[in-house]
Amino acid sequence: MLFADKAALTNRARQRMIEIRERELNLYARNSRVIATKATLLCGIANAGLLYVKQPYYQLASPFIKVVYPLVLTLLLGFSMLSLMNFNLISMLGPGLALRGPDGSVHVAIEYIALEYKTASFFFLMAVLCLHLVVLAYAWAGRLLIVTRLMLTALTIYSLYAIFHTSLLTAQQFHISQVLARARARERARCSSTEARRTAGAGRIPSTRMHAHS
């Protein structure tokens, strides 16, 4: 009887763990599809930017810009395609391995997905960086006023800084260690306030008894 209860408890715990891991798997797959859509947009921007080299005012740019602009556009297209393909493969092959693989494939699939997710995220960040470099090359390639060029350069640098700085801050806020640290801080504050109330209550009881005795 005890052996049967132990086996049933083990099966329930294992089933619960698999359900949790399936939720994590679905989260990775859903996020991969969302970022793949953004990577598709960057691919479209890179493809449209290639038409700019046919414009007459582009031919008047310096030789350095004529080399840099197609180079950063090609990098943008390449990193966007890498990010798009990786995220699409994650969203397709990860759940497929978890469903059709042998026993324990869910855990293996999530481990592989987490590894490939970091690589695909790096490719997407590099695509965002290349997009800003394309804007900088465009600002100095055309026949624009020097004030316009400087304004575009300043805005592009600030946009790049704001994106990466905000992303780092947001990632730190949602990191598990930060969440646990804030939870421990709230628990310590609650314990301190409870102890202070107990101390204050213990101090009021003797004074009440002294007044009653007098």
N, C-alpha and C. Protein backbone atom coordinates (compact mmCIF):
# COMPACT_ATOMS: atom_id res chain seq x y z
N MET A 1 0.83 -1.21 0.00
CA MET A 1 0.00 0.00 0.00
C MET A 1 0.86 1.26 0.00
N LEU A 2 1.88 1.24 0.86
CA LEU A 2 2.77 2.40 0.92
C LEU A 2 3.55 2.55 -0.39
N PHE A 3 3.94 1.43 -0.96
CA PHE A 3 4.67 1.48 -2.24
C PHE A 3 3.78 2.05 -3.34
N ALA A 4 2.51 1.66 -3.34
CA ALA A 4 1.58 2.18 -4.35
C ALA A 4 1.35 3.67 -4.17
N ASP A 5 1.22 4.13 -2.91
CA ASP A 5 1.04 5.56 -2.65
C ASP A 5 2.27 6.35 -3.08
N LYS A 6 3.46 5.78 -2.80
CA LYS A 6 4.69 6.46 -3.20
C LYS A 6 4.79 6.56 -4.71
N ALA A 7 4.42 5.49 -5.41
CA ALA A 7 4.46 5.51 -6.87
C ALA A 7 3.46 6.51 -7.45
N ALA A 8 2.27 6.58 -6.84
CA ALA A 8 1.26 7.53 -7.32
C ALA A 8 1.72 8.96 -7.08
N LEU A 9 2.33 9.22 -5.91
CA LEU A 9 2.84 10.56 -5.61
C LEU A 9 3.96 10.95 -6.57
N THR A 10 4.82 9.99 -6.86
CA THR A 10 5.92 10.25 -7.81
C THR A 10 5.38 10.56 -9.20
N ASN A 11 4.38 9.83 -9.63
CA ASN A 11 3.79 10.07 -10.96
C ASN A 11 3.11 11.43 -11.04
N ARG A 12 2.43 11.81 -9.95
CA ARG A 12 1.78 13.13 -9.94
C ARG A 12 2.82 14.25 -9.98
N ALA A 13 3.90 14.09 -9.20
CA ALA A 13 4.96 15.11 -9.22
C ALA A 13 5.63 15.20 -10.59
N ARG A 14 5.84 14.06 -11.21
CA ARG A 14 6.44 14.05 -12.54
C ARG A 14 5.52 14.67 -13.57
N GLN A 15 4.24 14.38 -13.49
CA GLN A 15 3.28 14.97 -14.42
C GLN A 15 3.21 16.48 -14.23
N ARG A 16 3.26 16.91 -12.98
CA ARG A 16 3.23 18.35 -12.71
C ARG A 16 4.47 19.04 -13.27
N MET A 17 5.62 18.41 -13.12
CA MET A 17 6.85 18.96 -13.66
C MET A 17 6.80 19.05 -15.18
N ILE A 18 6.26 18.05 -15.83
CA ILE A 18 6.14 18.06 -17.29
C ILE A 18 5.20 19.19 -17.73
N GLU A 19 4.11 19.40 -17.00
CA GLU A 19 3.20 20.49 -17.34
C GLU A 19 3.89 21.85 -17.24
N ILE A 20 4.72 22.02 -16.21
CA ILE A 20 5.45 23.28 -16.06
C ILE A 20 6.44 23.46 -17.20
N ARG A 21 7.14 22.40 -17.56
CA ARG A 21 8.10 22.49 -18.65
C ARG A 21 7.42 22.73 -20.00
N GLU A 22 6.22 22.19 -20.16
CA GLU A 22 5.47 22.45 -21.40
C GLU A 22 5.08 23.92 -21.49
N ARG A 23 4.72 24.53 -20.36
CA ARG A 23 4.43 25.97 -20.38
C ARG A 23 5.66 26.77 -20.77
N GLU A 24 6.82 26.37 -20.24
CA GLU A 24 8.06 27.04 -20.61
C GLU A 24 8.36 26.86 -22.09
N LEU A 25 8.10 25.66 -22.61
CA LEU A 25 8.30 25.40 -24.03
C LEU A 25 7.39 26.28 -24.89
N ASN A 26 6.14 26.39 -24.51
CA ASN A 26 5.20 27.23 -25.26
C ASN A 26 5.60 28.70 -25.19
N LEU A 27 6.15 29.12 -24.04
CA LEU A 27 6.60 30.51 -23.90
C LEU A 27 7.74 30.80 -24.87
N TYR A 28 8.71 29.90 -24.94
CA TYR A 28 9.82 30.09 -25.88
C TYR A 28 9.32 30.11 -27.32
N ALA A 29 8.43 29.20 -27.66
CA ALA A 29 7.93 29.13 -29.03
C ALA A 29 7.14 30.39 -29.40
N ARG A 30 6.31 30.87 -28.47
CA ARG A 30 5.53 32.08 -28.75
C ARG A 30 6.42 33.31 -28.90
N ASN A 31 7.41 33.45 -28.02
CA ASN A 31 8.33 34.58 -28.12
C ASN A 31 9.16 34.51 -29.40
N SER A 32 9.53 33.30 -29.81
CA SER A 32 10.31 33.14 -31.05
C SER A 32 9.51 33.60 -32.26
N ARG A 33 8.23 33.26 -32.29
CA ARG A 33 7.39 33.69 -33.42
C ARG A 33 7.24 35.21 -33.44
N VAL A 34 7.13 35.82 -32.27
CA VAL A 34 6.98 37.28 -32.22
C VAL A 34 8.24 37.97 -32.73
N ILE A 35 9.41 37.53 -32.26
CA ILE A 35 10.65 38.17 -32.69
C ILE A 35 10.94 37.87 -34.16
N ALA A 36 10.54 36.70 -34.64
CA ALA A 36 10.72 36.39 -36.05
C ALA A 36 9.94 37.38 -36.93
N THR A 37 8.78 37.81 -36.46
CA THR A 37 8.02 38.82 -37.21
C THR A 37 8.78 40.13 -37.29
N LYS A 38 9.41 40.53 -36.18
CA LYS A 38 10.22 41.76 -36.19
C LYS A 38 11.44 41.62 -37.09
N ALA A 39 12.04 40.44 -37.12
CA ALA A 39 13.18 40.21 -38.01
C ALA A 39 12.76 40.29 -39.47
N THR A 40 11.55 39.85 -39.77
CA THR A 40 11.03 39.97 -41.14
C THR A 40 10.92 41.43 -41.56
N LEU A 41 10.49 42.28 -40.63
CA LEU A 41 10.41 43.71 -40.91
C LEU A 41 11.78 44.29 -41.21
N LEU A 42 12.79 43.88 -40.46
CA LEU A 42 14.15 44.36 -40.72
C LEU A 42 14.66 43.88 -42.08
N CYS A 43 14.30 42.66 -42.45
CA CYS A 43 14.67 42.17 -43.78
C CYS A 43 14.05 43.03 -44.88
N GLY A 44 12.80 43.41 -44.70
CA GLY A 44 12.15 44.28 -45.68
C GLY A 44 12.82 45.64 -45.77
N ILE A 45 13.23 46.20 -44.63
CA ILE A 45 13.92 47.49 -44.64
C ILE A 45 15.25 47.38 -45.37
N ALA A 46 15.99 46.29 -45.13
CA ALA A 46 17.27 46.11 -45.81
C ALA A 46 17.09 45.94 -47.31
N ASN A 47 16.07 45.21 -47.71
CA ASN A 47 15.82 45.02 -49.14
C ASN A 47 15.43 46.32 -49.82
N ALA A 48 14.61 47.12 -49.13
CA ALA A 48 14.23 48.41 -49.70
C ALA A 48 15.41 49.37 -49.74
N GLY A 49 16.31 49.27 -48.75
CA GLY A 49 17.46 50.17 -48.73
C GLY A 49 18.44 49.93 -49.86
N LEU A 50 18.44 48.73 -50.42
CA LEU A 50 19.33 48.45 -51.55
C LEU A 50 18.97 49.26 -52.78
N LEU A 51 17.71 49.67 -52.90
CA LEU A 51 17.29 50.49 -54.05
C LEU A 51 17.90 51.89 -54.00
N TYR A 52 18.38 52.29 -52.83
CA TYR A 52 18.92 53.65 -52.68
C TYR A 52 20.20 53.84 -53.48
N VAL A 53 20.93 52.77 -53.72
CA VAL A 53 22.21 52.90 -54.44
C VAL A 53 22.00 53.27 -55.90
N LYS A 54 20.78 53.15 -56.40
CA LYS A 54 20.48 53.51 -57.78
C LYS A 54 20.11 54.99 -57.93
N GLN A 55 19.98 55.70 -56.82
CA GLN A 55 19.58 57.10 -56.90
C GLN A 55 20.75 57.97 -57.38
N PRO A 56 20.42 59.05 -58.11
CA PRO A 56 21.51 59.90 -58.63
C PRO A 56 22.35 60.55 -57.55
N TYR A 57 21.70 60.99 -56.44
CA TYR A 57 22.49 61.69 -55.42
C TYR A 57 23.39 60.74 -54.64
N TYR A 58 23.12 59.45 -54.73
CA TYR A 58 24.03 58.51 -54.08
C TYR A 58 25.36 58.43 -54.84
N GLN A 59 25.31 58.64 -56.15
CA GLN A 59 26.53 58.59 -56.95
C GLN A 59 27.48 59.74 -56.62
N LEU A 60 26.96 60.79 -55.98
CA LEU A 60 27.80 61.94 -55.62
C LEU A 60 28.44 61.78 -54.25
N ALA A 61 28.15 60.68 -53.57
CA ALA A 61 28.72 60.47 -52.24
C ALA A 61 30.19 60.12 -52.34
N SER A 62 30.87 60.18 -51.21
CA SER A 62 32.30 59.87 -51.17
C SER A 62 32.52 58.38 -51.40
N PRO A 63 33.68 57.98 -51.85
CA PRO A 63 33.95 56.54 -52.06
C PRO A 63 33.82 55.72 -50.77
N PHE A 64 34.18 56.34 -49.65
CA PHE A 64 34.06 55.62 -48.37
C PHE A 64 32.60 55.27 -48.07
N ILE A 65 31.69 56.23 -48.27
CA ILE A 65 30.27 55.98 -48.01
C ILE A 65 29.72 54.98 -49.02
N LYS A 66 30.22 55.02 -50.26
CA LYS A 66 29.75 54.06 -51.26
C LYS A 66 30.12 52.63 -50.90
N VAL A 67 31.15 52.48 -50.11
CA VAL A 67 31.54 51.14 -49.65
C VAL A 67 30.80 50.77 -48.37
N VAL A 68 30.69 51.73 -47.46
CA VAL A 68 30.11 51.45 -46.14
C VAL A 68 28.62 51.18 -46.24
N TYR A 69 27.91 51.97 -47.03
CA TYR A 69 26.45 51.84 -47.07
C TYR A 69 26.00 50.46 -47.57
N PRO A 70 26.49 49.96 -48.71
CA PRO A 70 26.08 48.59 -49.10
C PRO A 70 26.57 47.53 -48.11
N LEU A 71 27.72 47.79 -47.47
CA LEU A 71 28.25 46.81 -46.52
C LEU A 71 27.34 46.65 -45.32
N VAL A 72 26.92 47.78 -44.73
CA VAL A 72 26.06 47.68 -43.55
C VAL A 72 24.67 47.20 -43.93
N LEU A 73 24.23 47.50 -45.14
CA LEU A 73 22.95 46.96 -45.60
C LEU A 73 23.01 45.44 -45.74
N THR A 74 24.13 44.97 -46.26
CA THR A 74 24.29 43.51 -46.39
C THR A 74 24.36 42.85 -45.02
N LEU A 75 25.05 43.48 -44.09
CA LEU A 75 25.10 42.95 -42.73
C LEU A 75 23.72 42.95 -42.09
N LEU A 76 22.96 44.02 -42.32
CA LEU A 76 21.60 44.09 -41.79
C LEU A 76 20.74 42.96 -42.35
N LEU A 77 20.83 42.76 -43.65
CA LEU A 77 20.05 41.69 -44.27
C LEU A 77 20.50 40.31 -43.77
N GLY A 78 21.80 40.13 -43.63
CA GLY A 78 22.31 38.83 -43.19
C GLY A 78 21.92 38.51 -41.75
N PHE A 79 22.11 39.45 -40.84
CA PHE A 79 21.75 39.21 -39.45
C PHE A 79 20.24 39.06 -39.28
N SER A 80 19.48 39.80 -40.06
CA SER A 80 18.02 39.67 -39.98
C SER A 80 17.57 38.30 -40.45
N MET A 81 18.17 37.81 -41.55
CA MET A 81 17.81 36.49 -42.06
C MET A 81 18.24 35.39 -41.08
N LEU A 82 19.43 35.55 -40.47
CA LEU A 82 19.87 34.58 -39.47
C LEU A 82 18.93 34.54 -38.28
N SER A 83 18.54 35.73 -37.82
CA SER A 83 17.61 35.78 -36.69
C SER A 83 16.26 35.19 -37.07
N LEU A 84 15.78 35.53 -38.27
CA LEU A 84 14.49 35.01 -38.72
C LEU A 84 14.50 33.49 -38.82
N MET A 85 15.54 32.92 -39.43
CA MET A 85 15.61 31.48 -39.59
C MET A 85 15.76 30.77 -38.25
N ASN A 86 16.59 31.32 -37.38
CA ASN A 86 16.80 30.67 -36.08
C ASN A 86 15.53 30.65 -35.25
N PHE A 87 14.85 31.78 -35.20
CA PHE A 87 13.63 31.83 -34.39
C PHE A 87 12.52 30.95 -34.99
N ASN A 88 12.46 30.91 -36.31
CA ASN A 88 11.46 30.02 -36.93
C ASN A 88 11.78 28.55 -36.67
N LEU A 89 13.06 28.19 -36.75
CA LEU A 89 13.43 26.81 -36.47
C LEU A 89 13.18 26.45 -35.00
N ILE A 90 13.42 27.41 -34.10
CA ILE A 90 13.13 27.16 -32.68
C ILE A 90 11.65 26.87 -32.48
N SER A 91 10.80 27.72 -33.08
CA SER A 91 9.36 27.56 -32.88
C SER A 91 8.81 26.30 -33.54
N MET A 92 9.53 25.74 -34.53
CA MET A 92 9.04 24.54 -35.21
C MET A 92 9.68 23.27 -34.67
N LEU A 93 11.00 23.26 -34.57
CA LEU A 93 11.70 22.02 -34.21
C LEU A 93 11.65 21.74 -32.71
N GLY A 94 11.60 22.78 -31.88
CA GLY A 94 11.56 22.56 -30.44
C GLY A 94 10.33 21.81 -29.98
N PRO A 95 9.14 22.31 -30.28
CA PRO A 95 7.94 21.55 -29.91
C PRO A 95 7.86 20.20 -30.60
N GLY A 96 8.40 20.08 -31.82
CA GLY A 96 8.39 18.79 -32.50
C GLY A 96 9.22 17.75 -31.77
N LEU A 97 10.40 18.15 -31.28
CA LEU A 97 11.22 17.23 -30.51
C LEU A 97 10.55 16.83 -29.21
N ALA A 98 9.89 17.80 -28.57
CA ALA A 98 9.23 17.50 -27.30
C ALA A 98 8.05 16.54 -27.49
N LEU A 99 7.35 16.65 -28.62
CA LEU A 99 6.18 15.80 -28.84
C LEU A 99 6.53 14.42 -29.37
N ARG A 100 7.48 14.35 -30.31
CA ARG A 100 7.76 13.09 -30.99
C ARG A 100 8.98 12.35 -30.45
N GLY A 101 9.73 12.98 -29.54
CA GLY A 101 10.93 12.35 -29.02
C GLY A 101 10.64 11.31 -27.97
N PRO A 102 11.66 10.61 -27.49
CA PRO A 102 11.47 9.59 -26.45
C PRO A 102 11.17 10.22 -25.10
N ASP A 103 11.10 9.39 -24.09
CA ASP A 103 10.80 9.86 -22.75
C ASP A 103 11.91 10.82 -22.27
N GLY A 104 11.48 11.97 -21.74
CA GLY A 104 12.43 12.99 -21.30
C GLY A 104 12.81 13.99 -22.37
N SER A 105 12.18 13.92 -23.53
CA SER A 105 12.53 14.83 -24.62
C SER A 105 12.12 16.27 -24.34
N VAL A 106 11.13 16.48 -23.48
CA VAL A 106 10.69 17.84 -23.16
C VAL A 106 11.83 18.62 -22.52
N HIS A 107 12.51 18.01 -21.56
CA HIS A 107 13.61 18.69 -20.88
C HIS A 107 14.77 18.94 -21.84
N VAL A 108 15.07 17.96 -22.69
CA VAL A 108 16.15 18.13 -23.66
C VAL A 108 15.81 19.23 -24.66
N ALA A 109 14.55 19.27 -25.11
CA ALA A 109 14.13 20.28 -26.08
C ALA A 109 14.25 21.69 -25.49
N ILE A 110 13.86 21.85 -24.23
CA ILE A 110 13.93 23.18 -23.61
C ILE A 110 15.38 23.61 -23.44
N GLU A 111 16.27 22.69 -23.09
CA GLU A 111 17.68 23.04 -22.96
C GLU A 111 18.26 23.50 -24.30
N TYR A 112 17.96 22.79 -25.37
CA TYR A 112 18.43 23.19 -26.69
C TYR A 112 17.80 24.51 -27.14
N ILE A 113 16.52 24.67 -26.84
CA ILE A 113 15.84 25.91 -27.23
C ILE A 113 16.46 27.11 -26.51
N ALA A 114 16.74 26.97 -25.21
CA ALA A 114 17.33 28.07 -24.45
C ALA A 114 18.69 28.45 -25.03
N LEU A 115 19.46 27.46 -25.47
CA LEU A 115 20.77 27.74 -26.07
C LEU A 115 20.63 28.45 -27.41
N GLU A 116 19.79 27.94 -28.27
CA GLU A 116 19.59 28.57 -29.58
C GLU A 116 18.89 29.91 -29.48
N TYR A 117 18.07 30.08 -28.45
CA TYR A 117 17.36 31.35 -28.25
C TYR A 117 18.35 32.48 -27.99
N LYS A 118 19.40 32.19 -27.21
CA LYS A 118 20.42 33.21 -26.95
C LYS A 118 21.16 33.57 -28.23
N THR A 119 21.48 32.57 -29.04
CA THR A 119 22.18 32.84 -30.30
C THR A 119 21.32 33.67 -31.25
N ALA A 120 20.05 33.31 -31.38
CA ALA A 120 19.14 34.06 -32.26
C ALA A 120 18.92 35.48 -31.74
N SER A 121 18.86 35.65 -30.43
CA SER A 121 18.71 36.99 -29.86
C SER A 121 19.94 37.84 -30.15
N PHE A 122 21.12 37.23 -30.11
CA PHE A 122 22.34 37.97 -30.48
C PHE A 122 22.28 38.44 -31.93
N PHE A 123 21.85 37.58 -32.82
CA PHE A 123 21.72 37.97 -34.23
C PHE A 123 20.72 39.11 -34.40
N PHE A 124 19.63 39.08 -33.63
CA PHE A 124 18.63 40.15 -33.74
C PHE A 124 19.19 41.47 -33.23
N LEU A 125 19.95 41.43 -32.13
CA LEU A 125 20.56 42.65 -31.61
C LEU A 125 21.58 43.22 -32.60
N MET A 126 22.32 42.35 -33.25
CA MET A 126 23.26 42.83 -34.27
C MET A 126 22.52 43.44 -35.45
N ALA A 127 21.35 42.90 -35.79
CA ALA A 127 20.55 43.50 -36.87
C ALA A 127 20.07 44.89 -36.49
N VAL A 128 19.68 45.07 -35.23
CA VAL A 128 19.26 46.40 -34.77
C VAL A 128 20.43 47.37 -34.83
N LEU A 129 21.61 46.91 -34.44
CA LEU A 129 22.81 47.77 -34.53
C LEU A 129 23.09 48.14 -35.98
N CYS A 130 23.02 47.19 -36.89
CA CYS A 130 23.27 47.47 -38.30
C CYS A 130 22.23 48.42 -38.88
N LEU A 131 21.00 48.35 -38.40
CA LEU A 131 19.97 49.29 -38.87
C LEU A 131 20.36 50.72 -38.54
N HIS A 132 20.88 50.95 -37.35
CA HIS A 132 21.32 52.30 -36.99
C HIS A 132 22.55 52.73 -37.81
N LEU A 133 23.42 51.78 -38.11
CA LEU A 133 24.57 52.11 -38.96
C LEU A 133 24.12 52.48 -40.37
N VAL A 134 23.07 51.83 -40.85
CA VAL A 134 22.52 52.18 -42.16
C VAL A 134 22.01 53.62 -42.16
N VAL A 135 21.34 54.01 -41.09
CA VAL A 135 20.84 55.39 -41.00
C VAL A 135 21.99 56.38 -40.99
N LEU A 136 23.06 56.04 -40.27
CA LEU A 136 24.23 56.92 -40.25
C LEU A 136 24.86 57.04 -41.64
N ALA A 137 24.97 55.91 -42.33
CA ALA A 137 25.53 55.95 -43.69
C ALA A 137 24.64 56.75 -44.63
N TYR A 138 23.33 56.62 -44.46
CA TYR A 138 22.40 57.39 -45.30
C TYR A 138 22.54 58.89 -45.03
N ALA A 139 22.72 59.24 -43.75
CA ALA A 139 22.82 60.66 -43.41
C ALA A 139 24.03 61.32 -44.06
N TRP A 140 25.11 60.58 -44.21
CA TRP A 140 26.33 61.17 -44.77
C TRP A 140 26.54 60.82 -46.25
N ALA A 141 25.59 60.12 -46.84
CA ALA A 141 25.74 59.77 -48.25
C ALA A 141 25.03 60.76 -49.17
N GLY A 142 23.87 61.25 -48.74
CA GLY A 142 23.10 62.14 -49.59
C GLY A 142 23.59 63.57 -49.54
N ARG A 143 22.96 64.39 -50.32
CA ARG A 143 23.31 65.81 -50.39
C ARG A 143 22.47 66.57 -49.37
N LEU A 144 22.73 66.33 -48.11
CA LEU A 144 22.00 66.96 -47.01
C LEU A 144 22.83 68.07 -46.40
N LEU A 145 22.15 68.99 -45.73
CA LEU A 145 22.85 70.04 -45.02
C LEU A 145 23.65 69.44 -43.87
N ILE A 146 24.71 70.11 -43.50
CA ILE A 146 25.56 69.60 -42.42
C ILE A 146 24.80 69.56 -41.10
N VAL A 147 23.87 70.53 -40.92
CA VAL A 147 23.06 70.53 -39.69
C VAL A 147 22.15 69.30 -39.66
N THR A 148 21.56 68.98 -40.81
CA THR A 148 20.70 67.79 -40.89
C THR A 148 21.49 66.52 -40.63
N ARG A 149 22.69 66.45 -41.17
CA ARG A 149 23.53 65.28 -40.95
C ARG A 149 23.88 65.12 -39.47
N LEU A 150 24.25 66.22 -38.83
CA LEU A 150 24.60 66.14 -37.41
C LEU A 150 23.40 65.78 -36.56
N MET A 151 22.22 66.31 -36.91
CA MET A 151 21.01 65.97 -36.16
C MET A 151 20.66 64.49 -36.32
N LEU A 152 20.75 63.97 -37.55
CA LEU A 152 20.48 62.55 -37.77
C LEU A 152 21.49 61.67 -37.04
N THR A 153 22.74 62.10 -37.03
CA THR A 153 23.77 61.33 -36.32
C THR A 153 23.49 61.31 -34.82
N ALA A 154 23.17 62.47 -34.26
CA ALA A 154 22.90 62.54 -32.82
C ALA A 154 21.67 61.72 -32.44
N LEU A 155 20.62 61.83 -33.24
CA LEU A 155 19.40 61.08 -32.95
C LEU A 155 19.62 59.57 -33.08
N THR A 156 20.41 59.17 -34.06
CA THR A 156 20.68 57.73 -34.24
C THR A 156 21.48 57.18 -33.07
N ILE A 157 22.51 57.92 -32.65
CA ILE A 157 23.32 57.46 -31.51
C ILE A 157 22.48 57.41 -30.24
N TYR A 158 21.65 58.42 -30.03
CA TYR A 158 20.80 58.42 -28.84
C TYR A 158 19.78 57.28 -28.88
N SER A 159 19.22 57.02 -30.07
CA SER A 159 18.26 55.92 -30.20
C SER A 159 18.92 54.58 -29.89
N LEU A 160 20.14 54.39 -30.40
CA LEU A 160 20.86 53.14 -30.13
C LEU A 160 21.17 52.99 -28.65
N TYR A 161 21.60 54.08 -28.03
CA TYR A 161 21.90 54.03 -26.59
C TYR A 161 20.64 53.76 -25.78
N ALA A 162 19.54 54.42 -26.13
CA ALA A 162 18.29 54.24 -25.39
C ALA A 162 17.77 52.81 -25.51
N ILE A 163 17.88 52.22 -26.69
CA ILE A 163 17.38 50.85 -26.90
C ILE A 163 18.15 49.86 -26.04
N PHE A 164 19.49 49.92 -26.12
CA PHE A 164 20.29 48.95 -25.38
C PHE A 164 20.26 49.22 -23.88
N HIS A 165 20.26 50.49 -23.48
CA HIS A 165 20.22 50.80 -22.05
C HIS A 165 18.89 50.38 -21.43
N THR A 166 17.79 50.68 -22.14
CA THR A 166 16.48 50.28 -21.62
C THR A 166 16.33 48.76 -21.60
N SER A 167 16.87 48.09 -22.61
CA SER A 167 16.80 46.63 -22.64
C SER A 167 17.55 46.01 -21.47
N LEU A 168 18.74 46.54 -21.16
CA LEU A 168 19.51 46.02 -20.04
C LEU A 168 18.81 46.26 -18.71
N LEU A 169 18.26 47.45 -18.54
CA LEU A 169 17.54 47.75 -17.29
C LEU A 169 16.32 46.85 -17.13
N THR A 170 15.58 46.66 -18.21
CA THR A 170 14.40 45.80 -18.14
C THR A 170 14.78 44.36 -17.84
N ALA A 171 15.85 43.88 -18.48
CA ALA A 171 16.30 42.51 -18.22
C ALA A 171 16.75 42.33 -16.78
N GLN A 172 17.40 43.35 -16.22
CA GLN A 172 17.82 43.26 -14.83
C GLN A 172 16.64 43.27 -13.88
N GLN A 173 15.62 44.06 -14.21
CA GLN A 173 14.44 44.12 -13.35
C GLN A 173 13.71 42.78 -13.29
N PHE A 174 13.69 42.07 -14.41
CA PHE A 174 12.96 40.80 -14.48
C PHE A 174 13.86 39.59 -14.23
N HIS A 175 15.14 39.83 -13.90
CA HIS A 175 16.02 38.70 -13.62
C HIS A 175 15.62 38.03 -12.31
N ILE A 176 15.80 36.72 -12.25
CA ILE A 176 15.33 35.96 -11.10
C ILE A 176 16.04 36.41 -9.83
N SER A 177 17.34 36.71 -9.92
CA SER A 177 18.07 37.13 -8.73
C SER A 177 17.54 38.44 -8.18
N GLN A 178 17.19 39.36 -9.07
CA GLN A 178 16.62 40.63 -8.61
C GLN A 178 15.26 40.43 -7.96
N VAL A 179 14.44 39.57 -8.56
CA VAL A 179 13.12 39.31 -7.99
C VAL A 179 13.25 38.68 -6.61
N LEU A 180 14.17 37.70 -6.47
CA LEU A 180 14.37 37.07 -5.17
C LEU A 180 14.92 38.06 -4.15
N ALA A 181 15.81 38.94 -4.57
CA ALA A 181 16.35 39.93 -3.65
C ALA A 181 15.26 40.87 -3.15
N ARG A 182 14.38 41.31 -4.06
CA ARG A 182 13.29 42.18 -3.62
C ARG A 182 12.32 41.44 -2.71
N ALA A 183 12.08 40.15 -2.99
CA ALA A 183 11.19 39.37 -2.12
C ALA A 183 11.80 39.21 -0.73
N ARG A 184 13.11 38.95 -0.66
CA ARG A 184 13.76 38.83 0.65
C ARG A 184 13.74 40.15 1.39
N ALA A 185 13.92 41.26 0.66
CA ALA A 185 13.89 42.58 1.31
C ALA A 185 12.50 42.86 1.89
N ARG A 186 11.44 42.52 1.13
CA ARG A 186 10.09 42.71 1.66
C ARG A 186 9.83 41.82 2.86
N GLU A 187 10.36 40.58 2.82
CA GLU A 187 10.17 39.68 3.95
C GLU A 187 10.89 40.18 5.20
N ARG A 188 12.11 40.70 5.03
CA ARG A 188 12.84 41.25 6.17
C ARG A 188 12.13 42.48 6.73
N ALA A 189 11.61 43.33 5.83
CA ALA A 189 10.89 44.52 6.30
C ALA A 189 9.63 44.13 7.06
N ARG A 190 8.92 43.11 6.57
CA ARG A 190 7.73 42.66 7.27
C ARG A 190 8.07 42.06 8.62
N CYS A 191 9.14 41.28 8.71
CA CYS A 191 9.55 40.70 9.99
C CYS A 191 9.98 41.79 10.96
N SER A 192 10.68 42.81 10.46
CA SER A 192 11.13 43.89 11.33
C SER A 192 9.95 44.67 11.89
N SER A 193 8.95 44.94 11.03
CA SER A 193 7.78 45.67 11.51
C SER A 193 6.99 44.84 12.51
N THR A 194 6.90 43.52 12.24
CA THR A 194 6.19 42.65 13.20
C THR A 194 6.90 42.61 14.53
N GLU A 195 8.24 42.51 14.49
CA GLU A 195 9.01 42.50 15.74
C GLU A 195 8.89 43.83 16.47
N ALA A 196 8.86 44.92 15.73
CA ALA A 196 8.70 46.23 16.37
C ALA A 196 7.34 46.36 17.04
N ARG A 197 6.29 45.85 16.39
CA ARG A 197 4.97 45.92 17.01
C ARG A 197 4.91 45.05 18.26
N ARG A 198 5.56 43.89 18.22
CA ARG A 198 5.58 43.03 19.41
C ARG A 198 6.31 43.69 20.56
N THR A 199 7.44 44.32 20.23
CA THR A 199 8.21 45.01 21.27
C THR A 199 7.42 46.17 21.88
N ALA A 200 6.74 46.91 21.00
CA ALA A 200 5.93 48.03 21.50
C ALA A 200 4.77 47.52 22.34
N GLY A 201 4.16 46.41 21.94
CA GLY A 201 3.07 45.84 22.73
C GLY A 201 3.55 45.31 24.05
N ALA A 202 4.75 44.68 24.09
CA ALA A 202 5.28 44.18 25.36
C ALA A 202 5.64 45.32 26.29
N GLY A 203 6.04 46.46 25.74
CA GLY A 203 6.36 47.60 26.58
C GLY A 203 5.12 48.26 27.16
N ARG A 204 3.98 48.17 26.48
CA ARG A 204 2.76 48.80 26.99
C ARG A 204 2.11 47.97 28.10
N ILE A 205 2.31 46.64 28.08
CA ILE A 205 1.65 45.79 29.07
C ILE A 205 2.12 46.08 30.49
N PRO A 206 3.46 46.15 30.78
CA PRO A 206 3.88 46.47 32.16
C PRO A 206 3.41 47.83 32.63
N SER A 207 3.42 48.82 31.73
CA SER A 207 2.97 50.15 32.13
C SER A 207 1.49 50.14 32.49
N THR A 208 0.70 49.34 31.79
CA THR A 208 -0.73 49.24 32.11
C THR A 208 -0.92 48.59 33.47
N ARG A 209 -0.12 47.57 33.75
CA ARG A 209 -0.24 46.91 35.04
C ARG A 209 0.18 47.83 36.17
N MET A 210 1.19 48.65 35.99
CA MET A 210 1.62 49.59 37.04
C MET A 210 0.54 50.60 37.34
N HIS A 211 -0.11 51.11 36.31
CA HIS A 211 -1.21 52.07 36.53
C HIS A 211 -2.34 51.41 37.27
N ALA A 212 -2.65 50.14 36.95
CA ALA A 212 -3.74 49.45 37.62
C ALA A 212 -3.39 49.18 39.08
N HIS A 213 -2.12 48.85 39.42
CA HIS A 213 -1.72 48.60 40.78
C HIS A 213 -1.78 49.86 41.62
N SER A 214 -1.36 50.99 41.03
CA SER A 214 -1.41 52.25 41.78
C SER A 214 -2.85 52.70 41.95
